[in-house]
Each structure stands twice: as C-alpha cells, then as structure tokens.
Amino acid sequence: MVSNHPRYGETFDQFTQVKMLFLERVEVIQMDANIFAYYRAKLIESVEIDYSQKVDRFALVGSSPNGFLFKSEKLRDDFNKQLRNLKASGEYQKIIARYQ
C-alpha cells in the first residue's frame, strides 16, 4: 500500500502528529482519542498554532480491542477492585481530566 502512495508517512512522535494536523501539513492522523486530547491541550501553550480548528473524529477500524491483560485471575480481580475504588472516590475522573 505504501509504495503506491509516495506521500504516506509515519512518525512515532504523537505530539508532532497533532502539530502537523493543525499546521495543515497532513489531512489525517491516527491515534487514541485521549492521547489526541492531551496533545491538543498542550498546543494551548503555543501561540503560533491555531489549535481551535474543528476536527472530525471517527473509528477507522471499529472499537479497539486494546485493554489490560493478566496472567493471573487474582491479579486481574485485584486490579478491577482497585479500579472500581478509584472510580468511586472520584480520583479516576480527576486523573482523566488532567489529560483532557
């Protein structure tokens, strides 16, 4: 596929991907929505880029199968219990809000 599209490119630096989108150097980037929101918020500190431009988001390949994997059921259950506690305390939402 790449050989038929000479302008195709990839970069590991997700902040650069977001900057390139807002600088209109690329038309599409692919990344996790929370990571995008985090780096977009970082652009607020930059006066040379108009980060307020509207972007369209859509799932390219459907919902992500990514998640946490555990070798041990006990470890999984302990993790889930502590995650429920974190959410119930309100701390989970505070953590998410820091990155949005």
Foldseek 3Di string as FASTA:
>chain_A
DCVVPVVDDDDPDVLVVLQCCQVVVDVDDDDDPLQSQQSLVVCVPPPVTDSVDDDDDDDPPPDDPDDDDDPDPVVVVVVVVVVVVCVVVVNVVVVSVVRD
